[in-house]
Amino acid sequence: MKQVLAIVFALVLAGCATAPDAGQPLPVRVVSFNVWGAGGNAGKPIDETVAVLKALDADIIGLQETQLEGEICSGDICPARGESRAPALAEALGYYHYVQRKENAALWSNAILSRWPISAATQNDLGVRIEAPGRKIYTFNVHLWDYPYQPYQFAGIPYETAPFLTTPEEGVQAARAARGGAVDLLVAELGEARTGDAIFVTGDFNEPSWRDWTERAKAAGRHPQAVAFPAAKMLEEAGLTDTYRFVHPDEMAKPGFTWSPTTAPNDPADHHDRIDYVFAGGPFLSVTNAQVAGEAVPPAEIAFTPWPSDHRAVVADVTIGR
């Protein structure tokens, strides 16, 4: 599998090897944000989400959960309800937008907003091409399934009928069974970005990173086990950079928790974790900063009151050069 992933991204980089048209480096801010129905699932006005997005002033935004949850929402099925709020968010920002409407394992009410024109979508709707000044940027945006949810399985937190887990091997197998097909689909779609100058992947993965569930985190009692969770690892093996952990390599000093601002850190019915990401790749790209936006500092680096979602957002700053 590693060889396949390396070959896929090698093709991407080979296609990216021509210099951009513009001679000047291009700074780009990318945000990944599960907006929880633009706050609608908690009865919050859309204005709160608009205020956060305006203040973050991103160039590219990957949104998840742009619709409300269905009246029936369980681990096995949770149909979205109502219209996507992405067009209204884009209008408020003066941005272009693309609503990802296909049904597959990597999408659940997703949309991409951009300061620059959006010209084409990939085959399975996971990504779009963005025509930035002198650059072609591919942005992929996913929302992976949350059931069974391995942090709860390890922490002994009941979540419907999901069994509890005790070994790292069980965790990897359970994560792969839950989200492996979606990640495979995403990695395959990366090949369509071979003509771009940069690649971003935003998303709510509903899966922690292998860089966070470490032996140090286990010894400190932060996480129940050291687990090499596969989803983020597969994207790294494909040549992408986990921007937050690149900027903040010490997982103990900077946990970067994105789940969840709605519960206390010691809540026995929850387990706080980093499950939202911005990945970046390309031969001319350098990561300059990465932060979490949320309700307070800490746990986030950027704070907003009120905070409209049950997830915190991830903010990545990069520069695309020649």
Protein backbone atom coordinates (compact mmCIF):
# COMPACT_ATOMS: atom_id res chain seq x y z
CA MET A 1 0.00 0.00 0.00
CA LYS A 2 2.82 2.43 0.84
CA GLN A 3 4.36 1.90 -2.58
CA VAL A 4 1.04 2.57 -4.28
CA LEU A 5 0.57 5.79 -2.33
CA ALA A 6 4.09 6.95 -3.09
CA ILE A 7 3.59 6.30 -6.80
CA VAL A 8 0.30 8.23 -6.81
CA PHE A 9 1.81 11.30 -5.23
CA ALA A 10 5.00 11.04 -7.27
CA LEU A 11 2.78 11.46 -10.33
CA VAL A 12 1.17 14.48 -8.69
CA LEU A 13 4.52 16.10 -7.99
CA ALA A 14 5.80 15.33 -11.46
CA GLY A 15 2.86 17.20 -12.91
CA CYS A 16 3.50 20.08 -10.53
CA ALA A 17 7.13 20.42 -11.58
CA THR A 18 6.56 23.26 -14.04
CA ALA A 19 7.08 26.70 -12.52
CA PRO A 20 3.99 28.83 -11.78
CA ASP A 21 3.17 31.62 -14.19
CA ALA A 22 3.57 34.32 -11.54
CA GLY A 23 7.06 35.17 -10.34
CA GLN A 24 6.07 36.33 -6.87
CA PRO A 25 5.43 33.93 -3.96
CA LEU A 26 1.73 33.56 -3.18
CA PRO A 27 0.66 33.45 0.48
CA VAL A 28 -2.44 31.31 1.01
CA ARG A 29 -4.53 30.81 4.12
CA VAL A 30 -6.57 27.58 4.25
CA VAL A 31 -9.24 26.75 6.83
CA SER A 32 -10.99 23.49 7.63
CA PHE A 33 -14.20 23.96 9.60
CA ASN A 34 -17.02 21.61 10.55
CA VAL A 35 -19.67 24.30 10.92
CA TRP A 36 -22.37 22.08 12.52
CA GLY A 37 -25.08 23.28 10.16
CA ALA A 38 -23.59 26.82 10.40
CA GLY A 39 -24.60 26.59 14.05
CA GLY A 40 -28.11 25.51 13.11
CA ASN A 41 -27.91 22.19 14.93
CA ALA A 42 -27.66 24.15 18.18
CA GLY A 43 -30.18 26.80 17.15
CA LYS A 44 -27.46 29.40 16.59
CA PRO A 45 -27.85 32.11 13.92
CA ILE A 46 -25.73 31.83 10.80
CA ASP A 47 -24.29 35.27 11.63
CA GLU A 48 -22.00 33.69 14.25
CA THR A 49 -20.38 31.44 11.63
CA VAL A 50 -20.12 34.33 9.19
CA ALA A 51 -18.33 36.42 11.82
CA VAL A 52 -15.76 33.68 12.45
CA LEU A 53 -15.06 33.14 8.76
CA LYS A 54 -14.76 36.87 8.07
CA ALA A 55 -12.29 37.31 10.91
CA LEU A 56 -10.18 34.33 9.82
CA ASP A 57 -9.92 35.91 6.35
CA ALA A 58 -8.97 32.67 4.61
CA ASP A 59 -8.41 32.29 0.89
CA ILE A 60 -9.75 28.72 0.76
CA ILE A 61 -12.22 27.16 3.19
CA GLY A 62 -13.23 23.50 3.40
CA LEU A 63 -16.61 23.24 5.12
CA GLN A 64 -18.22 20.13 6.57
CA GLU A 65 -21.78 19.71 7.85
CA THR A 66 -23.21 22.63 5.91
CA GLN A 67 -26.71 21.19 6.34
CA LEU A 68 -28.64 20.29 9.45
CA GLU A 69 -28.61 16.76 10.81
CA GLY A 70 -31.65 14.67 9.92
CA GLU A 71 -34.47 14.01 12.34
CA ILE A 72 -33.14 10.45 12.54
CA CYS A 73 -29.38 10.42 13.08
CA SER A 74 -27.57 7.29 14.27
CA GLY A 75 -24.21 5.64 13.82
CA ASP A 76 -25.45 3.72 10.80
CA ILE A 77 -27.42 6.47 9.05
CA CYS A 78 -27.70 10.22 9.39
CA PRO A 79 -29.24 11.93 6.35
CA ALA A 80 -28.65 15.65 6.02
CA ARG A 81 -31.71 17.90 6.24
CA GLY A 82 -32.57 21.09 4.42
CA GLU A 83 -30.45 23.17 2.07
CA SER A 84 -26.72 23.67 2.30
CA ARG A 85 -25.83 26.90 4.05
CA ALA A 86 -22.61 27.16 2.05
CA PRO A 87 -24.07 29.48 -0.62
CA ALA A 88 -25.26 31.92 2.07
CA LEU A 89 -21.86 31.82 3.78
CA ALA A 90 -20.11 32.43 0.46
CA GLU A 91 -22.39 35.33 -0.36
CA ALA A 92 -21.71 36.93 3.02
CA LEU A 93 -17.97 36.65 2.38
CA GLY A 94 -18.12 37.61 -1.29
CA TYR A 95 -16.51 34.28 -2.21
CA TYR A 96 -16.96 31.63 -4.88
CA HIS A 97 -18.36 28.32 -3.67
CA TYR A 98 -18.80 24.72 -4.70
CA VAL A 99 -21.28 22.40 -2.99
CA GLN A 100 -20.07 18.78 -3.07
CA ARG A 101 -23.27 16.91 -3.87
CA LYS A 102 -22.19 13.38 -4.80
CA GLU A 103 -22.86 10.60 -2.33
CA ASN A 104 -19.87 8.51 -1.28
CA ALA A 105 -18.00 7.44 1.84
CA ALA A 106 -15.84 10.58 1.94
CA LEU A 107 -18.61 13.20 1.82
CA TRP A 108 -21.33 14.36 4.19
CA SER A 109 -22.76 17.80 3.40
CA ASN A 110 -19.48 19.34 2.27
CA ALA A 111 -18.61 22.53 0.41
CA ILE A 112 -15.55 24.52 -0.62
CA LEU A 113 -15.38 28.32 -0.51
CA SER A 114 -12.68 30.29 -2.29
CA ARG A 115 -11.55 33.87 -2.70
CA TRP A 116 -10.59 32.87 -6.26
CA PRO A 117 -12.62 31.25 -9.07
CA ILE A 118 -13.39 27.54 -8.91
CA SER A 119 -13.09 25.97 -12.35
CA ALA A 120 -13.51 22.19 -12.14
CA ALA A 121 -14.39 19.33 -9.80
CA THR A 122 -12.71 15.94 -9.56
CA GLN A 123 -14.49 12.78 -10.66
CA ASN A 124 -15.95 11.81 -7.28
CA ASP A 125 -16.57 15.39 -6.13
CA LEU A 126 -13.93 15.26 -3.41
CA GLY A 127 -11.92 18.17 -4.82
CA VAL A 128 -11.94 21.25 -7.03
CA ARG A 129 -9.42 23.23 -9.02
CA ILE A 130 -9.02 26.82 -7.90
CA GLU A 131 -7.62 29.47 -10.23
CA ALA A 132 -5.46 31.53 -7.88
CA PRO A 133 -3.28 34.37 -9.22
CA GLY A 134 -0.72 32.64 -11.42
CA ARG A 135 -1.37 29.27 -9.76
CA LYS A 136 -3.64 26.27 -10.08
CA ILE A 137 -4.54 24.95 -6.67
CA TYR A 138 -6.39 21.69 -6.02
CA THR A 139 -8.36 21.53 -2.79
CA PHE A 140 -9.94 18.31 -1.53
CA ASN A 141 -12.48 18.41 1.28
CA VAL A 142 -13.79 15.34 3.09
CA HIS A 143 -15.98 14.34 6.01
CA LEU A 144 -15.35 10.76 7.09
CA TRP A 145 -17.80 8.59 9.02
CA ASP A 146 -17.82 8.78 12.82
CA TYR A 147 -19.01 5.27 13.63
CA PRO A 148 -17.58 3.26 15.16
CA TYR A 149 -15.49 5.97 16.83
CA GLN A 150 -12.23 4.48 18.08
CA PRO A 151 -11.40 7.06 20.82
CA TYR A 152 -14.69 6.19 22.51
CA GLN A 153 -14.09 2.48 21.98
CA PHE A 154 -10.72 2.74 23.73
CA ALA A 155 -11.98 5.04 26.48
CA GLY A 156 -14.90 2.76 27.37
CA ILE A 157 -17.48 5.37 26.35
CA PRO A 158 -20.65 3.72 25.03
CA TYR A 159 -21.58 4.72 21.48
CA GLU A 160 -24.52 2.68 20.26
CA THR A 161 -23.38 -0.95 19.81
CA ALA A 162 -19.69 -0.36 19.09
CA PRO A 163 -17.51 -2.81 21.08
CA PHE A 164 -14.73 -1.56 23.33
CA LEU A 165 -11.12 -1.91 22.18
CA THR A 166 -8.00 -2.80 24.14
CA THR A 167 -5.06 -3.19 21.73
CA PRO A 168 -3.45 -0.89 19.14
CA GLU A 169 -3.96 -3.53 16.49
CA GLU A 170 -7.70 -3.57 17.16
CA GLY A 171 -7.76 0.22 16.83
CA VAL A 172 -6.04 0.24 13.46
CA GLN A 173 -8.30 -2.51 12.15
CA ALA A 174 -11.45 -0.76 13.37
CA ALA A 175 -10.39 2.58 11.88
CA ARG A 176 -9.52 0.98 8.57
CA ALA A 177 -12.89 -0.81 8.48
CA ALA A 178 -14.76 2.41 9.26
CA ARG A 179 -12.93 4.85 6.94
CA GLY A 180 -10.47 2.93 4.79
CA GLY A 181 -12.64 2.98 1.68
CA ALA A 182 -13.08 6.75 1.93
CA VAL A 183 -9.34 7.34 2.34
CA ASP A 184 -8.59 5.05 -0.61
CA LEU A 185 -11.01 7.09 -2.70
CA LEU A 186 -9.34 10.32 -1.63
CA VAL A 187 -5.83 9.08 -2.39
CA ALA A 188 -6.97 7.95 -5.83
CA GLU A 189 -8.47 11.38 -6.52
CA LEU A 190 -5.17 13.07 -5.67
CA GLY A 191 -3.93 11.81 -9.02
CA GLU A 192 -6.26 14.25 -10.75
CA ALA A 193 -4.24 17.11 -9.23
CA ARG A 194 -1.07 16.34 -11.19
CA THR A 195 -1.36 19.58 -13.20
CA GLY A 196 -1.62 21.79 -10.12
CA ASP A 197 0.92 23.92 -8.30
CA ALA A 198 -0.31 23.02 -4.81
CA ILE A 199 -2.65 20.53 -3.15
CA PHE A 200 -4.67 20.96 0.03
CA VAL A 201 -6.81 18.42 1.86
CA THR A 202 -9.22 19.76 4.46
CA GLY A 203 -11.63 17.73 6.49
CA ASP A 204 -13.26 16.31 9.55
CA PHE A 205 -11.69 12.84 9.58
CA ASN A 206 -13.41 11.62 12.75
CA GLU A 207 -10.11 9.87 13.40
CA PRO A 208 -7.08 10.96 15.44
CA SER A 209 -3.55 11.14 14.11
CA TRP A 210 -0.84 8.59 14.72
CA ARG A 211 1.31 11.59 15.67
CA ASP A 212 -0.96 12.30 18.66
CA TRP A 213 -1.78 8.87 20.08
CA THR A 214 1.86 8.26 20.99
CA GLU A 215 3.64 6.36 23.73
CA ARG A 216 4.24 9.71 25.48
CA ALA A 217 0.52 10.53 25.36
CA LYS A 218 -0.31 7.07 26.68
CA ALA A 219 2.20 7.37 29.54
CA ALA A 220 0.78 10.77 30.48
CA GLY A 221 -2.77 9.39 30.55
CA ARG A 222 -3.95 11.65 27.74
CA HIS A 223 -4.91 8.75 25.47
CA PRO A 224 -5.61 5.14 26.45
CA GLN A 225 -3.22 3.60 23.92
CA ALA A 226 -0.47 4.39 21.42
CA VAL A 227 -2.18 3.75 18.08
CA ALA A 228 -0.89 4.25 14.54
CA PHE A 229 -4.24 5.43 13.21
CA PRO A 230 -4.16 4.95 9.42
CA ALA A 231 -6.05 7.84 7.76
CA ALA A 232 -3.65 10.72 8.46
CA LYS A 233 -0.71 8.37 8.08
CA MET A 234 -1.82 7.36 4.60
CA LEU A 235 -1.98 10.97 3.47
CA GLU A 236 1.49 11.61 4.85
CA GLU A 237 2.78 8.52 3.07
CA ALA A 238 1.27 9.98 -0.09
CA GLY A 239 3.51 13.04 0.32
CA LEU A 240 1.23 15.50 2.12
CA THR A 241 2.11 17.47 5.27
CA ASP A 242 -0.08 17.63 8.36
CA THR A 243 0.28 21.40 8.71
CA TYR A 244 -0.60 21.70 12.40
CA ARG A 245 1.75 18.97 13.55
CA PHE A 246 4.48 20.30 11.22
CA VAL A 247 4.35 23.69 12.95
CA HIS A 248 3.77 22.16 16.40
CA PRO A 249 5.71 18.87 16.44
CA ASP A 250 5.42 18.38 20.21
CA GLU A 251 2.07 16.65 20.61
CA MET A 252 2.19 17.00 24.39
CA ALA A 253 2.82 20.76 24.40
CA LYS A 254 0.36 21.49 21.60
CA PRO A 255 -2.40 18.87 21.43
CA GLY A 256 -4.44 20.96 18.97
CA PHE A 257 -7.73 19.43 20.06
CA THR A 258 -10.56 20.18 17.65
CA TRP A 259 -13.11 17.91 19.33
CA SER A 260 -14.95 19.26 21.21
CA PRO A 261 -15.55 22.77 22.60
CA THR A 262 -18.97 21.68 23.86
CA THR A 263 -17.71 19.41 26.67
CA ALA A 264 -15.29 19.83 29.55
CA PRO A 265 -11.85 18.21 29.18
CA ASN A 266 -12.60 15.85 32.09
CA ASP A 267 -16.10 14.90 30.92
CA PRO A 268 -16.31 11.10 31.42
CA ALA A 269 -18.73 10.84 28.48
CA ASP A 270 -16.32 12.39 25.97
CA HIS A 271 -12.69 12.20 24.87
CA HIS A 272 -11.01 15.32 23.49
CA ASP A 273 -8.92 14.85 20.36
CA ARG A 274 -7.52 16.32 17.15
CA ILE A 275 -9.67 14.97 14.32
CA ASP A 276 -9.84 17.96 11.91
CA TYR A 277 -6.95 18.68 9.55
CA VAL A 278 -5.39 20.78 6.83
CA PHE A 279 -2.89 18.79 4.77
CA ALA A 280 -0.73 20.49 2.17
CA GLY A 281 1.60 19.40 -0.61
CA GLY A 282 3.48 20.58 -3.67
CA PRO A 283 7.11 21.19 -4.68
CA PHE A 284 6.87 24.97 -4.33
CA LEU A 285 4.92 25.05 -1.08
CA SER A 286 6.17 25.92 2.41
CA VAL A 287 4.08 25.85 5.59
CA THR A 288 4.53 29.04 7.60
CA ASN A 289 1.97 28.71 10.41
CA ALA A 290 -0.90 26.60 11.68
CA GLN A 291 -3.40 27.32 14.44
CA VAL A 292 -6.63 26.09 15.95
CA ALA A 293 -9.53 28.54 16.22
CA GLY A 294 -12.13 28.04 18.91
CA GLU A 295 -13.89 29.36 21.95
CA ALA A 296 -10.88 30.26 24.12
CA VAL A 297 -7.08 30.47 24.32
CA PRO A 298 -6.12 27.82 25.35
CA PRO A 299 -7.13 25.27 24.11
CA ALA A 300 -7.15 27.16 20.80
CA GLU A 301 -4.65 29.71 19.51
CA ILE A 302 -7.35 32.01 18.09
CA ALA A 303 -10.47 32.72 20.15
CA PHE A 304 -13.98 33.88 19.24
CA THR A 305 -16.98 34.65 21.42
CA PRO A 306 -19.49 33.29 20.71
CA TRP A 307 -18.18 30.12 19.09
CA PRO A 308 -20.83 28.55 16.80
CA SER A 309 -19.76 24.91 16.32
CA ASP A 310 -19.14 21.66 18.18
CA HIS A 311 -15.75 21.48 16.41
CA ARG A 312 -12.85 23.90 16.46
CA ALA A 313 -11.42 25.01 13.12
CA VAL A 314 -7.92 24.49 11.74
CA VAL A 315 -6.12 27.45 10.13
CA ALA A 316 -3.01 26.90 7.97
CA ASP A 317 -0.82 29.55 6.38
CA VAL A 318 1.41 28.52 3.50
CA THR A 319 3.43 30.17 0.76
CA ILE A 320 3.49 28.88 -2.81
CA GLY A 321 6.72 29.87 -4.52
CA ARG A 322 8.33 28.92 -7.80
